[in-house]
Amino acid sequence: MLAFVLAYVAGINAAALAVFAADKRNARSRKRRFRERHLLALAALGGSPGAVAAQRLLRHKTRKEPFRTWLGLIVFVQLVAVCGWLAYRLM
């Protein structure tokens, strides 16, 4: 089970990073872009570390509101969930 979870997390984060990079490339060349809700969905499905890394490394979607706020909220909720899960496991 742990191997599946780790593979999923690695895959969804790699996908988030790749999609953010593709969106940045498309933005520069004025091609069709990914919808913000799809980028946020990748983050919400567990790809928030990859999304934040892409945002910082590529300087992509760093000033866009409310995108930035929504991504921050997703990261916060996921951190609370992980901390809660860890606290439950340690009890």
Protein backbone atom coordinates (compact mmCIF):
# COMPACT_ATOMS: atom_id res chain seq x y z
CA MET A 1 0.00 0.00 0.00
CA LEU A 2 2.80 2.40 0.89
CA ALA A 3 4.50 1.75 -2.45
CA PHE A 4 1.27 2.63 -4.27
CA VAL A 5 0.84 5.87 -2.30
CA LEU A 6 4.44 6.90 -2.93
CA ALA A 7 4.14 6.10 -6.64
CA TYR A 8 0.90 8.09 -6.85
CA VAL A 9 2.37 11.10 -5.05
CA ALA A 10 5.49 11.05 -7.24
CA GLY A 11 3.39 10.70 -10.39
CA ILE A 12 0.87 13.42 -9.61
CA ASN A 13 3.63 15.84 -8.63
CA ALA A 14 5.59 15.09 -11.80
CA ALA A 15 2.39 15.64 -13.79
CA ALA A 16 1.69 18.94 -12.03
CA LEU A 17 5.22 20.16 -12.70
CA ALA A 18 5.00 19.09 -16.35
CA VAL A 19 1.60 20.72 -16.92
CA PHE A 20 2.72 23.98 -15.29
CA ALA A 21 5.83 23.93 -17.51
CA ALA A 22 3.71 23.28 -20.61
CA ASP A 23 1.36 26.10 -19.64
CA LYS A 24 4.30 28.47 -19.19
CA ARG A 25 5.67 27.43 -22.59
CA ASN A 26 2.26 27.95 -24.18
CA ALA A 27 1.95 31.36 -22.53
CA ARG A 28 5.25 32.49 -23.97
CA SER A 29 4.39 31.31 -27.48
CA ARG A 30 0.80 32.58 -27.26
CA LYS A 31 -0.70 29.11 -27.74
CA ARG A 32 -3.73 27.58 -26.08
CA ARG A 33 -3.38 27.53 -22.30
CA PHE A 34 -4.49 25.12 -19.61
CA ARG A 35 -7.43 26.30 -17.56
CA GLU A 36 -6.60 27.48 -14.07
CA ARG A 37 -9.13 25.10 -12.60
CA HIS A 38 -7.25 22.17 -14.18
CA LEU A 39 -3.97 23.38 -12.70
CA LEU A 40 -5.65 23.73 -9.31
CA ALA A 41 -7.25 20.28 -9.67
CA LEU A 42 -3.80 18.73 -10.14
CA ALA A 43 -2.68 20.46 -6.95
CA ALA A 44 -5.79 19.36 -5.06
CA LEU A 45 -5.30 15.75 -6.15
CA GLY A 46 -1.97 15.69 -4.35
CA GLY A 47 0.28 17.58 -6.73
CA SER A 48 0.60 20.72 -4.64
CA PRO A 49 4.36 20.29 -3.99
CA GLY A 50 4.95 19.96 -7.74
CA ALA A 51 2.67 22.92 -8.44
CA VAL A 52 4.41 25.14 -5.89
CA ALA A 53 7.83 24.03 -7.14
CA ALA A 54 6.84 24.82 -10.72
CA GLN A 55 5.40 28.15 -9.65
CA ARG A 56 8.68 29.10 -7.98
CA LEU A 57 11.11 27.59 -10.50
CA LEU A 58 9.28 28.80 -13.60
CA ARG A 59 7.93 32.03 -12.11
CA HIS A 60 4.53 31.00 -13.40
CA LYS A 61 1.22 32.14 -11.91
CA THR A 62 3.00 33.93 -9.07
CA ARG A 63 0.99 37.16 -9.27
CA LYS A 64 -2.35 35.82 -10.50
CA GLU A 65 -5.19 36.26 -8.07
CA PRO A 66 -7.28 34.41 -7.03
CA PHE A 67 -5.15 31.52 -8.37
CA ARG A 68 -2.39 32.16 -5.84
CA THR A 69 -4.85 32.26 -2.95
CA TRP A 70 -6.58 29.05 -4.04
CA LEU A 71 -3.25 27.24 -4.39
CA GLY A 72 -2.22 28.46 -0.93
CA LEU A 73 -5.52 27.22 0.51
CA ILE A 74 -5.05 23.80 -1.11
CA VAL A 75 -1.54 23.54 0.34
CA PHE A 76 -2.82 24.58 3.78
CA VAL A 77 -5.66 22.03 3.78
CA GLN A 78 -3.32 19.27 2.64
CA LEU A 79 -0.79 20.14 5.35
CA VAL A 80 -3.50 20.08 8.02
CA ALA A 81 -4.73 16.71 6.71
CA VAL A 82 -1.24 15.20 6.73
CA CYS A 83 -0.51 16.55 10.22
CA GLY A 84 -3.84 15.19 11.45
CA TRP A 85 -3.13 11.81 9.91
CA LEU A 86 0.34 11.72 11.48
CA ALA A 87 -1.04 12.71 14.88
CA TYR A 88 -3.65 9.96 14.63
CA ARG A 89 -1.00 7.40 13.65
CA LEU A 90 1.24 8.36 16.58
CA MET A 91 -1.50 8.04 19.18
